[in-house]
Amino acid sequence: MLICLTIFRPKWIEYSVDGEHFTSFGDAYQLGWGHYRGDRIGVYSYNCEREQGYIDVDQFCYVAAGAAKAYMTFEHTL
């Protein structure tokens, strides 16, 4: 999965089954400030019918382009 982020421009999410060719899904959206912390990027599970749920993630990589440095926030390889 790939999330394309640019400041002050619409964002979108893409997925890939081979890591090379990505397909967009859903509508483009604009990030905004949420209280004092702003938006947060992540992968999560939301289940409105029960109290439990899960998501199995093998790797989550957050890369900031430009002046910021790239940070690996989560990586787990089986």
PDB file of N, CA and C in Angstrom:
ATOM      1  N   MET A   1       0.846  -1.164   0.000  1.00  0.00           N
ATOM      2  CA  MET A   1       0.000   0.000   0.000  1.00  0.00           C
ATOM      3  C   MET A   1       0.894   1.229   0.000  1.00  0.00           C
ATOM      4  N   LEU A   2       0.486   2.243  -0.692  1.00  0.00           N
ATOM      5  CA  LEU A   2       1.239   3.478  -0.815  1.00  0.00           C
ATOM      6  C   LEU A   2       0.297   4.644  -0.577  1.00  0.00           C
ATOM      7  N   ILE A   3       0.708   5.572   0.280  1.00  0.00           N
ATOM      8  CA  ILE A   3      -0.059   6.800   0.493  1.00  0.00           C
ATOM      9  C   ILE A   3       0.791   7.945  -0.030  1.00  0.00           C
ATOM     10  N   CYS A   4       0.283   8.691  -0.985  1.00  0.00           N
ATOM     11  CA  CYS A   4       1.017   9.796  -1.598  1.00  0.00           C
ATOM     12  C   CYS A   4       0.645  11.085  -0.882  1.00  0.00           C
ATOM     13  N   LEU A   5       1.609  11.676  -0.180  1.00  0.00           N
ATOM     14  CA  LEU A   5       1.347  12.869   0.619  1.00  0.00           C
ATOM     15  C   LEU A   5       2.148  14.051   0.101  1.00  0.00           C
ATOM     16  N   THR A   6       1.494  15.174  -0.068  1.00  0.00           N
ATOM     17  CA  THR A   6       2.144  16.435  -0.382  1.00  0.00           C
ATOM     18  C   THR A   6       1.444  17.510   0.443  1.00  0.00           C
ATOM     19  N   ILE A   7       2.192  18.466   0.906  1.00  0.00           N
ATOM     20  CA  ILE A   7       1.610  19.518   1.743  1.00  0.00           C
ATOM     21  C   ILE A   7       0.650  20.367   0.916  1.00  0.00           C
ATOM     22  N   PHE A   8      -0.525  20.623   1.456  1.00  0.00           N
ATOM     23  CA  PHE A   8      -1.555  21.490   0.870  1.00  0.00           C
ATOM     24  C   PHE A   8      -2.123  20.969  -0.447  1.00  0.00           C
ATOM     25  N   ARG A   9      -1.915  19.714  -0.772  1.00  0.00           N
ATOM     26  CA  ARG A   9      -2.485  19.133  -1.987  1.00  0.00           C
ATOM     27  C   ARG A   9      -3.268  17.880  -1.615  1.00  0.00           C
ATOM     28  N   PRO A  10      -4.206  17.488  -2.450  1.00  0.00           N
ATOM     29  CA  PRO A  10      -4.959  16.253  -2.159  1.00  0.00           C
ATOM     30  C   PRO A  10      -4.038  15.037  -2.082  1.00  0.00           C
ATOM     31  N   LYS A  11      -4.440  14.067  -1.251  1.00  0.00           N
ATOM     32  CA  LYS A  11      -3.686  12.835  -1.058  1.00  0.00           C
ATOM     33  C   LYS A  11      -4.498  11.675  -1.608  1.00  0.00           C
ATOM     34  N   TRP A  12      -3.850  10.543  -1.849  1.00  0.00           N
ATOM     35  CA  TRP A  12      -4.556   9.357  -2.299  1.00  0.00           C
ATOM     36  C   TRP A  12      -3.814   8.119  -1.830  1.00  0.00           C
ATOM     37  N   ILE A  13      -4.497   6.997  -1.861  1.00  0.00           N
ATOM     38  CA  ILE A  13      -3.929   5.722  -1.425  1.00  0.00           C
ATOM     39  C   ILE A  13      -3.874   4.792  -2.624  1.00  0.00           C
ATOM     40  N   GLU A  14      -2.776   4.062  -2.738  1.00  0.00           N
ATOM     41  CA  GLU A  14      -2.608   3.087  -3.803  1.00  0.00           C
ATOM     42  C   GLU A  14      -2.185   1.755  -3.205  1.00  0.00           C
ATOM     43  N   TYR A  15      -2.463   0.674  -3.908  1.00  0.00           N
ATOM     44  CA  TYR A  15      -2.012  -0.644  -3.464  1.00  0.00           C
ATOM     45  C   TYR A  15      -1.292  -1.348  -4.602  1.00  0.00           C
ATOM     46  N   SER A  16      -0.478  -2.345  -4.238  1.00  0.00           N
ATOM     47  CA  SER A  16       0.265  -3.120  -5.222  1.00  0.00           C
ATOM     48  C   SER A  16       0.360  -4.557  -4.746  1.00  0.00           C
ATOM     49  N   VAL A  17       0.272  -5.481  -5.667  1.00  0.00           N
ATOM     50  CA  VAL A  17       0.455  -6.891  -5.316  1.00  0.00           C
ATOM     51  C   VAL A  17       1.870  -7.357  -5.643  1.00  0.00           C
ATOM     52  N   ASP A  18       2.636  -6.546  -6.392  1.00  0.00           N
ATOM     53  CA  ASP A  18       4.001  -6.928  -6.737  1.00  0.00           C
ATOM     54  C   ASP A  18       5.052  -5.925  -6.264  1.00  0.00           C
ATOM     55  N   GLY A  19       4.633  -4.817  -5.646  1.00  0.00           N
ATOM     56  CA  GLY A  19       5.570  -3.820  -5.148  1.00  0.00           C
ATOM     57  C   GLY A  19       6.112  -2.879  -6.218  1.00  0.00           C
ATOM     58  N   GLU A  20       5.663  -3.034  -7.456  1.00  0.00           N
ATOM     59  CA  GLU A  20       6.146  -2.193  -8.547  1.00  0.00           C
ATOM     60  C   GLU A  20       5.031  -1.426  -9.252  1.00  0.00           C
ATOM     61  N   HIS A  21       3.920  -2.065  -9.488  1.00  0.00           N
ATOM     62  CA  HIS A  21       2.790  -1.452 -10.185  1.00  0.00           C
ATOM     63  C   HIS A  21       1.690  -1.157  -9.168  1.00  0.00           C
ATOM     64  N   PHE A  22       1.326   0.129  -9.024  1.00  0.00           N
ATOM     65  CA  PHE A  22       0.363   0.552  -8.018  1.00  0.00           C
ATOM     66  C   PHE A  22      -0.944   0.993  -8.659  1.00  0.00           C
ATOM     67  N   THR A  23      -2.059   0.712  -7.977  1.00  0.00           N
ATOM     68  CA  THR A  23      -3.391   1.071  -8.434  1.00  0.00           C
ATOM     69  C   THR A  23      -4.065   1.929  -7.370  1.00  0.00           C
ATOM     70  N   SER A  24      -4.590   3.095  -7.758  1.00  0.00           N
ATOM     71  CA  SER A  24      -5.281   3.974  -6.807  1.00  0.00           C
ATOM     72  C   SER A  24      -6.633   3.391  -6.436  1.00  0.00           C
ATOM     73  N   PHE A  25      -7.045   3.623  -5.184  1.00  0.00           N
ATOM     74  CA  PHE A  25      -8.404   3.268  -4.789  1.00  0.00           C
ATOM     75  C   PHE A  25      -8.944   4.332  -3.852  1.00  0.00           C
ATOM     76  N   GLY A  26     -10.249   4.488  -3.863  1.00  0.00           N
ATOM     77  CA  GLY A  26     -10.878   5.529  -3.055  1.00  0.00           C
ATOM     78  C   GLY A  26     -10.697   6.894  -3.700  1.00  0.00           C
ATOM     79  N   ASP A  27     -11.293   7.890  -3.082  1.00  0.00           N
ATOM     80  CA  ASP A  27     -11.204   9.256  -3.585  1.00  0.00           C
ATOM     81  C   ASP A  27      -9.998   9.960  -2.986  1.00  0.00           C
ATOM     82  N   ALA A  28      -9.487  10.966  -3.679  1.00  0.00           N
ATOM     83  CA  ALA A  28      -8.429  11.803  -3.124  1.00  0.00           C
ATOM     84  C   ALA A  28      -8.998  12.565  -1.927  1.00  0.00           C
ATOM     85  N   TYR A  29      -8.151  12.897  -0.961  1.00  0.00           N
ATOM     86  CA  TYR A  29      -8.607  13.588   0.243  1.00  0.00           C
ATOM     87  C   TYR A  29      -7.566  14.602   0.676  1.00  0.00           C
ATOM     88  N   GLN A  30      -7.989  15.559   1.484  1.00  0.00           N
ATOM     89  CA  GLN A  30      -7.114  16.609   1.983  1.00  0.00           C
ATOM     90  C   GLN A  30      -6.873  16.396   3.470  1.00  0.00           C
ATOM     91  N   LEU A  31      -5.614  16.350   3.887  1.00  0.00           N
ATOM     92  CA  LEU A  31      -5.298  16.249   5.312  1.00  0.00           C
ATOM     93  C   LEU A  31      -5.534  17.594   5.973  1.00  0.00           C
ATOM     94  N   GLY A  32      -5.889  17.569   7.235  1.00  0.00           N
ATOM     95  CA  GLY A  32      -6.099  18.794   7.987  1.00  0.00           C
ATOM     96  C   GLY A  32      -5.639  18.604   9.418  1.00  0.00           C
ATOM     97  N   TRP A  33      -5.694  19.647  10.189  1.00  0.00           N
ATOM     98  CA  TRP A  33      -5.279  19.570  11.581  1.00  0.00           C
ATOM     99  C   TRP A  33      -6.382  18.944  12.410  1.00  0.00           C
ATOM    100  N   GLY A  34      -6.018  17.977  13.249  1.00  0.00           N
ATOM    101  CA  GLY A  34      -6.952  17.342  14.165  1.00  0.00           C
ATOM    102  C   GLY A  34      -6.573  17.740  15.580  1.00  0.00           C
ATOM    103  N   HIS A  35      -7.259  18.675  16.146  1.00  0.00           N
ATOM    104  CA  HIS A  35      -6.925  19.250  17.451  1.00  0.00           C
ATOM    105  C   HIS A  35      -5.528  19.850  17.358  1.00  0.00           C
ATOM    106  N   TYR A  36      -4.611  19.455  18.209  1.00  0.00           N
ATOM    107  CA  TYR A  36      -3.280  20.057  18.191  1.00  0.00           C
ATOM    108  C   TYR A  36      -2.238  19.145  17.562  1.00  0.00           C
ATOM    109  N   ARG A  37      -2.576  17.938  17.196  1.00  0.00           N
ATOM    110  CA  ARG A  37      -1.566  16.998  16.709  1.00  0.00           C
ATOM    111  C   ARG A  37      -1.577  16.810  15.200  1.00  0.00           C
ATOM    112  N   GLY A  38      -2.575  17.277  14.521  1.00  0.00           N
ATOM    113  CA  GLY A  38      -2.649  17.069  13.082  1.00  0.00           C
ATOM    114  C   GLY A  38      -3.052  15.644  12.757  1.00  0.00           C
ATOM    115  N   ASP A  39      -3.039  15.311  11.492  1.00  0.00           N
ATOM    116  CA  ASP A  39      -3.400  13.962  11.065  1.00  0.00           C
ATOM    117  C   ASP A  39      -2.267  12.992  11.352  1.00  0.00           C
ATOM    118  N   ARG A  40      -2.635  11.741  11.536  1.00  0.00           N
ATOM    119  CA  ARG A  40      -1.652  10.695  11.785  1.00  0.00           C
ATOM    120  C   ARG A  40      -1.771   9.637  10.703  1.00  0.00           C
ATOM    121  N   ILE A  41      -0.646   9.173  10.268  1.00  0.00           N
ATOM    122  CA  ILE A  41      -0.605   8.169   9.219  1.00  0.00           C
ATOM    123  C   ILE A  41      -0.379   6.812   9.863  1.00  0.00           C
ATOM    124  N   GLY A  42      -1.136   5.811   9.435  1.00  0.00           N
ATOM    125  CA  GLY A  42      -0.953   4.477   9.984  1.00  0.00           C
ATOM    126  C   GLY A  42      -1.876   3.478   9.330  1.00  0.00           C
ATOM    127  N   VAL A  43      -1.734   2.243   9.742  1.00  0.00           N
ATOM    128  CA  VAL A  43      -2.589   1.162   9.278  1.00  0.00           C
ATOM    129  C   VAL A  43      -3.314   0.642  10.505  1.00  0.00           C
ATOM    130  N   TYR A  44      -4.621   0.498  10.426  1.00  0.00           N
ATOM    131  CA  TYR A  44      -5.375   0.079  11.593  1.00  0.00           C
ATOM    132  C   TYR A  44      -6.578  -0.745  11.179  1.00  0.00           C
ATOM    133  N   SER A  45      -7.182  -1.374  12.160  1.00  0.00           N
ATOM    134  CA  SER A  45      -8.390  -2.164  11.953  1.00  0.00           C
ATOM    135  C   SER A  45      -9.530  -1.483  12.695  1.00  0.00           C
ATOM    136  N   TYR A  46     -10.671  -1.330  12.039  1.00  0.00           N
ATOM    137  CA  TYR A  46     -11.835  -0.716  12.671  1.00  0.00           C
ATOM    138  C   TYR A  46     -13.025  -1.636  12.465  1.00  0.00           C
ATOM    139  N   ASN A  47     -13.642  -2.045  13.548  1.00  0.00           N
ATOM    140  CA  ASN A  47     -14.774  -2.961  13.494  1.00  0.00           C
ATOM    141  C   ASN A  47     -15.915  -2.342  14.285  1.00  0.00           C
ATOM    142  N   CYS A  48     -16.948  -1.867  13.617  1.00  0.00           N
ATOM    143  CA  CYS A  48     -18.054  -1.203  14.314  1.00  0.00           C
ATOM    144  C   CYS A  48     -19.128  -2.187  14.777  1.00  0.00           C
ATOM    145  N   GLU A  49     -18.982  -3.478  14.490  1.00  0.00           N
ATOM    146  CA  GLU A  49     -19.984  -4.456  14.896  1.00  0.00           C
ATOM    147  C   GLU A  49     -19.569  -5.285  16.110  1.00  0.00           C
ATOM    148  N   ARG A  50     -18.283  -5.354  16.384  1.00  0.00           N
ATOM    149  CA  ARG A  50     -17.785  -6.139  17.522  1.00  0.00           C
ATOM    150  C   ARG A  50     -16.668  -5.378  18.207  1.00  0.00           C
ATOM    151  N   GLU A  51     -16.235  -5.891  19.356  1.00  0.00           N
ATOM    152  CA  GLU A  51     -15.173  -5.232  20.100  1.00  0.00           C
ATOM    153  C   GLU A  51     -13.788  -5.698  19.689  1.00  0.00           C
ATOM    154  N   GLN A  52     -13.688  -6.616  18.774  1.00  0.00           N
ATOM    155  CA  GLN A  52     -12.372  -7.110  18.397  1.00  0.00           C
ATOM    156  C   GLN A  52     -12.180  -7.073  16.890  1.00  0.00           C
ATOM    157  N   GLY A  53     -10.949  -7.110  16.490  1.00  0.00           N
ATOM    158  CA  GLY A  53     -10.557  -7.120  15.093  1.00  0.00           C
ATOM    159  C   GLY A  53      -9.044  -7.078  15.040  1.00  0.00           C
ATOM    160  N   TYR A  54      -8.494  -7.356  13.882  1.00  0.00           N
ATOM    161  CA  TYR A  54      -7.045  -7.293  13.759  1.00  0.00           C
ATOM    162  C   TYR A  54      -6.661  -7.030  12.309  1.00  0.00           C
ATOM    163  N   ILE A  55      -5.430  -6.631  12.130  1.00  0.00           N
ATOM    164  CA  ILE A  55      -4.846  -6.484  10.804  1.00  0.00           C
ATOM    165  C   ILE A  55      -3.439  -7.049  10.882  1.00  0.00           C
ATOM    166  N   ASP A  56      -3.042  -7.814   9.894  1.00  0.00           N
ATOM    167  CA  ASP A  56      -1.725  -8.448   9.846  1.00  0.00           C
ATOM    168  C   ASP A  56      -0.856  -7.654   8.876  1.00  0.00           C
ATOM    169  N   VAL A  57       0.129  -6.942   9.390  1.00  0.00           N
ATOM    170  CA  VAL A  57       0.990  -6.085   8.579  1.00  0.00           C
ATOM    171  C   VAL A  57       2.409  -6.625   8.627  1.00  0.00           C
ATOM    172  N   ASP A  58       2.980  -6.896   7.468  1.00  0.00           N
ATOM    173  CA  ASP A  58       4.358  -7.373   7.408  1.00  0.00           C
ATOM    174  C   ASP A  58       5.359  -6.226   7.436  1.00  0.00           C
ATOM    175  N   GLN A  59       4.994  -5.080   6.858  1.00  0.00           N
ATOM    176  CA  GLN A  59       5.917  -3.949   6.844  1.00  0.00           C
ATOM    177  C   GLN A  59       5.138  -2.649   6.738  1.00  0.00           C
ATOM    178  N   PHE A  60       5.567  -1.625   7.476  1.00  0.00           N
ATOM    179  CA  PHE A  60       5.004  -0.287   7.376  1.00  0.00           C
ATOM    180  C   PHE A  60       6.176   0.679   7.346  1.00  0.00           C
ATOM    181  N   CYS A  61       6.325   1.412   6.258  1.00  0.00           N
ATOM    182  CA  CYS A  61       7.458   2.319   6.089  1.00  0.00           C
ATOM    183  C   CYS A  61       6.931   3.721   5.818  1.00  0.00           C
ATOM    184  N   TYR A  62       7.382   4.683   6.578  1.00  0.00           N
ATOM    185  CA  TYR A  62       7.006   6.080   6.382  1.00  0.00           C
ATOM    186  C   TYR A  62       8.242   6.827   5.893  1.00  0.00           C
ATOM    187  N   VAL A  63       8.157   7.455   4.743  1.00  0.00           N
ATOM    188  CA  VAL A  63       9.276   8.193   4.176  1.00  0.00           C
ATOM    189  C   VAL A  63       8.834   9.628   3.946  1.00  0.00           C
ATOM    190  N   ALA A  64       9.557  10.575   4.533  1.00  0.00           N
ATOM    191  CA  ALA A  64       9.279  11.997   4.324  1.00  0.00           C
ATOM    192  C   ALA A  64      10.267  12.522   3.291  1.00  0.00           C
ATOM    193  N   ALA A  65       9.763  13.094   2.212  1.00  0.00           N
ATOM    194  CA  ALA A  65      10.623  13.606   1.152  1.00  0.00           C
ATOM    195  C   ALA A  65      11.008  15.049   1.441  1.00  0.00           C
ATOM    196  N   GLY A  66      11.986  15.543   0.745  1.00  0.00           N
ATOM    197  CA  GLY A  66      12.402  16.931   0.891  1.00  0.00           C
ATOM    198  C   GLY A  66      13.399  17.099   2.019  1.00  0.00           C
ATOM    199  N   ALA A  67      13.209  18.137   2.828  1.00  0.00           N
ATOM    200  CA  ALA A  67      14.165  18.455   3.881  1.00  0.00           C
ATOM    201  C   ALA A  67      14.144  17.447   5.022  1.00  0.00           C
ATOM    202  N   ALA A  68      13.018  16.776   5.216  1.00  0.00           N
ATOM    203  CA  ALA A  68      12.920  15.806   6.309  1.00  0.00           C
ATOM    204  C   ALA A  68      13.665  14.527   5.954  1.00  0.00           C
ATOM    205  N   LYS A  69      13.997  13.738   6.967  1.00  0.00           N
ATOM    206  CA  LYS A  69      14.679  12.466   6.764  1.00  0.00           C
ATOM    207  C   LYS A  69      13.654  11.344   6.707  1.00  0.00           C
ATOM    208  N   ALA A  70      14.067  10.204   6.191  1.00  0.00           N
ATOM    209  CA  ALA A  70      13.193   9.030   6.125  1.00  0.00           C
ATOM    210  C   ALA A  70      13.293   8.265   7.438  1.00  0.00           C
ATOM    211  N   TYR A  71      12.164   7.811   7.942  1.00  0.00           N
ATOM    212  CA  TYR A  71      12.116   7.063   9.187  1.00  0.00           C
ATOM    213  C   TYR A  71      11.372   5.761   8.967  1.00  0.00           C
ATOM    214  N   MET A  72      11.920   4.664   9.448  1.00  0.00           N
ATOM    215  CA  MET A  72      11.224   3.384   9.416  1.00  0.00           C
ATOM    216  C   MET A  72      10.473   3.281  10.734  1.00  0.00           C
ATOM    217  N   THR A  73       9.153   3.292  10.687  1.00  0.00           N
ATOM    218  CA  THR A  73       8.371   3.270  11.909  1.00  0.00           C
ATOM    219  C   THR A  73       7.990   1.860  12.336  1.00  0.00           C
ATOM    220  N   PHE A  74       7.939   0.930  11.384  1.00  0.00           N
ATOM    221  CA  PHE A  74       7.590  -0.441  11.741  1.00  0.00           C
ATOM    222  C   PHE A  74       8.071  -1.360  10.639  1.00  0.00           C
ATOM    223  N   GLU A  75       8.753  -2.417  11.010  1.00  0.00           N
ATOM    224  CA  GLU A  75       9.112  -3.424  10.021  1.00  0.00           C
ATOM    225  C   GLU A  75       9.145  -4.779  10.695  1.00  0.00           C
ATOM    226  N   HIS A  76       8.436  -5.703  10.120  1.00  0.00           N
ATOM    227  CA  HIS A  76       8.405  -7.067  10.646  1.00  0.00           C
ATOM    228  C   HIS A  76       8.384  -8.009   9.456  1.00  0.00           C
ATOM    229  N   THR A  77       9.388  -8.822   9.327  1.00  0.00           N
ATOM    230  CA  THR A  77       9.458  -9.767   8.221  1.00  0.00           C
ATOM    231  C   THR A  77       9.337 -11.174   8.762  1.00  0.00           C
ATOM    232  N   LEU A  78       8.442 -11.955   8.172  1.00  0.00           N
ATOM    233  CA  LEU A  78       8.251 -13.336   8.607  1.00  0.00           C
ATOM    234  C   LEU A  78       9.270 -14.241   7.963  1.00  0.00           C
TER     235      LEU A  78
END
